[in-house]
Protein backbone atom coordinates (compact mmCIF):
# COMPACT_ATOMS: atom_id res chain seq x y z
CA SER A 1 33.27 18.21 -6.09
CA GLU A 2 30.40 19.27 -4.44
CA MET A 3 27.34 16.17 -3.85
CA CYS A 4 24.21 16.65 -4.46
CA ILE A 5 20.44 15.72 -2.69
CA ARG A 6 17.64 16.98 -4.22
CA ASP A 7 13.94 17.08 -4.34
CA ARG A 8 12.40 19.20 -7.16
CA ALA A 9 12.93 22.57 -5.39
CA GLN A 10 14.54 20.95 -2.32
CA SER A 11 18.49 20.01 -2.18
CA LYS A 12 21.34 19.83 -0.03
CA ILE A 13 24.60 20.69 -1.65
CA TYR A 14 27.88 19.49 0.41
CA ALA A 15 31.36 21.71 -0.81
CA LYS A 16 32.69 17.99 0.06
CA SER A 17 32.06 15.33 -1.25
CA PRO A 18 30.87 12.31 0.58
CA PHE A 19 30.47 9.96 -2.28
CA PHE A 20 27.43 8.08 -1.64
CA SER A 21 27.03 4.88 -3.40
CA CYS A 22 23.48 4.02 -2.94
CA ILE A 23 20.09 5.50 -0.77
CA THR A 24 17.16 3.92 0.47
CA THR A 25 13.80 5.82 1.76
CA ASN A 26 11.12 4.51 4.97
CA VAL A 27 7.39 4.67 4.60
CA ASP A 28 7.33 7.81 6.68
CA GLY A 29 10.50 9.43 3.62
CA GLN A 30 13.47 9.46 6.16
CA ILE A 31 16.49 8.56 4.30
CA ALA A 32 19.93 6.91 4.57
CA THR A 33 22.40 6.98 1.79
CA GLY A 34 25.76 4.62 1.61
CA SER A 35 29.24 5.84 0.19
CA GLU A 36 32.46 4.63 -1.65
CA ASN A 37 33.30 4.96 2.34
CA GLY A 38 31.62 2.44 3.60
CA ASP A 39 30.35 5.59 6.28
CA ILE A 40 26.16 5.64 6.15
CA ARG A 41 24.27 8.61 7.19
CA LEU A 42 20.43 9.45 8.82
CA TYR A 43 18.53 12.19 7.26
CA LYS A 44 15.18 13.20 8.51
CA GLN A 45 14.01 14.82 5.15
CA VAL A 46 17.22 15.78 1.60
CA ASN A 47 17.33 19.30 2.74
CA GLN A 48 19.29 18.73 6.15
CA ASN A 49 22.44 17.73 7.36
CA ALA A 50 23.04 14.14 8.05
CA LYS A 51 21.70 13.82 12.14
CA ASN A 52 23.43 10.15 12.21
CA LEU A 53 26.97 9.54 10.65
CA PHE A 54 27.69 5.42 10.94
CA SER A 55 32.06 5.35 9.84
CA GLY A 56 32.30 2.36 7.59
CA LEU A 57 35.28 0.04 7.39
CA GLY A 58 36.41 1.91 3.42
CA ASP A 59 34.19 -0.76 1.83
CA TYR A 60 32.00 -0.18 -0.99
CA ILE A 61 28.71 0.49 -0.36
CA HIS A 62 26.28 -1.45 -3.18
CA SER A 63 22.70 -1.55 -1.42
CA LEU A 64 20.50 -0.18 0.96
CA ASP A 65 17.78 -1.94 2.08
CA CYS A 66 14.89 -0.69 5.69
CA THR A 67 12.29 -2.17 7.25
CA LYS A 68 8.76 -0.70 6.80
CA ASN A 69 8.58 1.00 11.00
CA GLY A 70 12.40 2.21 9.71
CA LYS A 71 14.32 0.07 13.08
CA TRP A 72 16.71 -1.52 11.19
CA LEU A 73 18.98 -0.97 7.91
CA LEU A 74 20.51 -2.99 5.80
CA ALA A 75 23.80 -2.77 4.03
CA THR A 76 25.03 -4.74 1.64
CA CYS A 77 28.97 -4.47 1.07
CA ASP A 78 31.88 -7.24 -0.94
CA LYS A 79 32.49 -9.26 1.73
CA TYR A 80 29.43 -9.21 4.15
CA LEU A 81 26.69 -7.69 5.76
CA LEU A 82 25.43 -5.11 8.28
CA LEU A 83 22.27 -5.23 10.16
CA ILE A 84 21.81 -1.26 11.28
CA PRO A 85 20.26 -0.74 14.10
CA THR A 86 18.71 3.10 14.02
CA PHE A 87 16.36 3.88 16.71
CA SER A 88 18.66 3.93 20.31
CA GLU A 89 16.56 4.57 24.09
CA GLY A 90 13.92 5.56 22.66
CA LYS A 91 14.81 7.82 19.97
CA ASN A 92 14.69 7.92 15.82
CA GLY A 93 17.97 8.28 14.48
CA TYR A 94 17.18 9.90 10.98
CA LEU A 95 15.73 12.59 13.17
CA THR A 96 17.81 13.57 16.29
CA SER A 97 21.31 12.50 17.10
CA LEU A 98 21.50 9.94 18.98
CA GLY A 99 25.64 10.57 20.55
CA LYS A 100 26.98 7.87 22.47
CA GLU A 101 23.88 6.35 22.68
CA LYS A 102 24.87 5.15 18.32
CA PRO A 103 24.16 1.46 18.74
CA THR A 104 26.66 -0.78 17.04
CA PRO A 105 26.05 -2.38 13.68
CA VAL A 106 26.05 -5.74 13.70
CA ARG A 107 28.61 -8.01 11.05
CA LEU A 108 27.01 -10.44 9.25
CA GLN A 109 29.50 -12.84 7.31
CA LEU A 110 30.04 -16.30 6.55
CA LYS A 111 31.93 -18.32 8.89
CA PRO A 112 35.82 -19.85 7.41
CA GLU A 113 34.96 -23.11 7.94
CA ASP A 114 32.05 -22.49 5.75
CA LYS A 115 33.29 -20.70 3.33
CA MET A 116 35.82 -24.37 2.95
CA LYS A 117 33.00 -26.72 3.41
CA TYR A 118 31.11 -24.37 -0.02
CA ALA A 119 34.90 -23.84 -1.68
CA ILE A 120 33.64 -19.94 -2.22
CA LEU A 121 36.58 -18.71 -3.16
CA LYS A 122 35.56 -14.95 -4.10
CA GLU A 123 32.88 -13.19 -1.39
CA ASN A 124 30.82 -10.76 -3.55
CA PHE A 125 27.74 -10.90 -2.39
CA THR A 126 24.09 -9.71 -3.98
CA PRO A 127 22.33 -6.46 -2.63
CA ALA A 128 21.12 -7.79 0.82
CA ARG A 129 16.61 -7.97 1.57
CA PHE A 130 14.34 -7.83 4.53
CA ASP A 131 11.10 -9.82 4.04
CA GLU A 132 8.06 -7.62 3.17
CA SER A 133 4.66 -9.10 5.07
CA GLN A 134 1.12 -7.40 4.83
CA SER A 135 1.84 -7.03 9.05
CA GLY A 136 4.21 -4.89 7.83
CA GLN A 137 7.47 -7.26 10.23
CA GLU A 138 10.24 -7.85 9.02
CA SER A 139 11.43 -11.75 9.82
CA PHE A 140 14.20 -12.37 7.94
CA ILE A 141 17.53 -11.20 5.66
CA VAL A 142 17.89 -13.07 2.57
CA SER A 143 20.86 -12.45 0.34
CA SER A 144 23.35 -14.94 -1.80
CA ILE A 145 27.46 -15.64 -3.11
CA GLY A 146 27.59 -17.02 -6.59
CA GLN A 147 25.80 -19.97 -6.75
CA TYR A 148 24.65 -19.84 -2.79
CA LEU A 149 21.95 -18.11 -1.89
CA ILE A 150 21.95 -17.25 2.34
CA THR A 151 18.96 -16.62 5.02
CA TRP A 152 19.42 -15.66 8.75
CA SER A 153 16.46 -14.86 11.27
CA LEU A 154 16.79 -11.38 12.12
CA LYS A 155 15.21 -12.86 15.23
CA HIS A 156 18.18 -15.18 16.00
CA ILE A 157 20.69 -12.27 15.00
CA ILE A 158 19.17 -10.53 16.81
CA THR A 159 19.61 -12.43 20.63
CA GLY A 160 23.22 -12.76 18.88
CA LYS A 161 23.02 -15.97 16.60
CA LYS A 162 24.78 -14.37 13.44
CA PHE A 163 26.04 -16.92 12.50
CA ASP A 164 22.82 -19.23 12.87
CA TYR A 165 22.48 -19.03 8.54
CA ASP A 166 20.47 -21.41 6.36
CA ILE A 167 23.12 -21.88 2.57
CA LYS A 168 22.01 -23.99 -0.04
CA LYS A 169 23.34 -24.36 -3.37
CA LEU A 170 21.58 -23.54 -6.51
CA PRO A 171 22.68 -25.19 -10.37
CA ASP A 172 23.67 -21.80 -11.41
CA LYS A 173 25.52 -18.12 -10.01
CA ILE A 174 23.05 -16.40 -8.64
CA VAL A 175 22.20 -12.54 -10.32
CA SER A 176 19.48 -11.34 -7.80
CA ASN A 177 16.87 -12.92 -4.55
CA GLU A 178 14.66 -11.58 -3.04
CA PHE A 179 11.51 -12.94 -1.13
CA LYS A 180 7.75 -13.37 -2.26
CA PHE A 181 5.83 -10.50 -0.48
CA ASN A 182 4.19 -12.00 3.04
CA ALA A 183 5.16 -15.32 2.51
CA GLN A 184 8.73 -16.13 4.54
CA ASP A 185 9.26 -20.09 3.00
CA SER A 186 9.61 -18.47 -0.26
CA LEU A 187 11.68 -16.47 -2.39
CA TYR A 188 11.73 -15.14 -5.67
CA VAL A 189 15.58 -16.17 -7.38
CA ALA A 190 17.31 -15.28 -10.78
CA LEU A 191 19.36 -16.59 -11.40
CA PRO A 192 21.69 -16.09 -15.76
CA TYR A 193 18.38 -18.48 -17.03
CA GLU A 194 15.58 -18.48 -15.33
CA VAL A 195 14.00 -17.41 -12.53
CA LYS A 196 12.83 -20.50 -9.13
CA VAL A 197 10.64 -20.22 -6.55
CA GLN A 198 13.58 -21.41 -3.58
CA LYS A 199 11.79 -22.28 -0.40
CA THR A 200 14.15 -21.02 3.02
CA LYS A 201 14.73 -23.66 5.74
CA VAL A 202 15.00 -20.10 8.54
CA LYS A 203 12.52 -20.31 11.56
């Protein structure tokens, strides 16, 4: 089968389908796509081939989010998240091939002892999101599994502390979650029958 990315008169048709599953764009209009097999592609624009391909681990990518400056990409799979640096040695991965300089994605998941502690038998992350602020500088990541809201500090992840997260149990299954604009300590959380404002402890 064929797959097409289309923008009015502009399009790119692939002879072999990459089985796209999601898409996101940054403020410069550059595009990232996720695929059913876990592959992630970066594009300068829709009528060109991908500048970079990050080969996946075979797991379906449910959603993508990116920072405003385009330097970080966040992918959500069922059992883990991937934080992907899209720049390397000053090169923009949306605009040029990174080749051997392509950075390694950071895999974010729960510690085995936390899964036991909170009796999380099935991992199914909701779409992960960066926070948004007037400064345009993202600092945090939020996702959830079942009744548990999980937040990470981007600064901590970058410095190697990827298991330094905050986890909090809410009264019902979390349907969706997102940071309140320009309020890094507040989250909007949608439960099946209500929407809550939840404080976070991540610093």
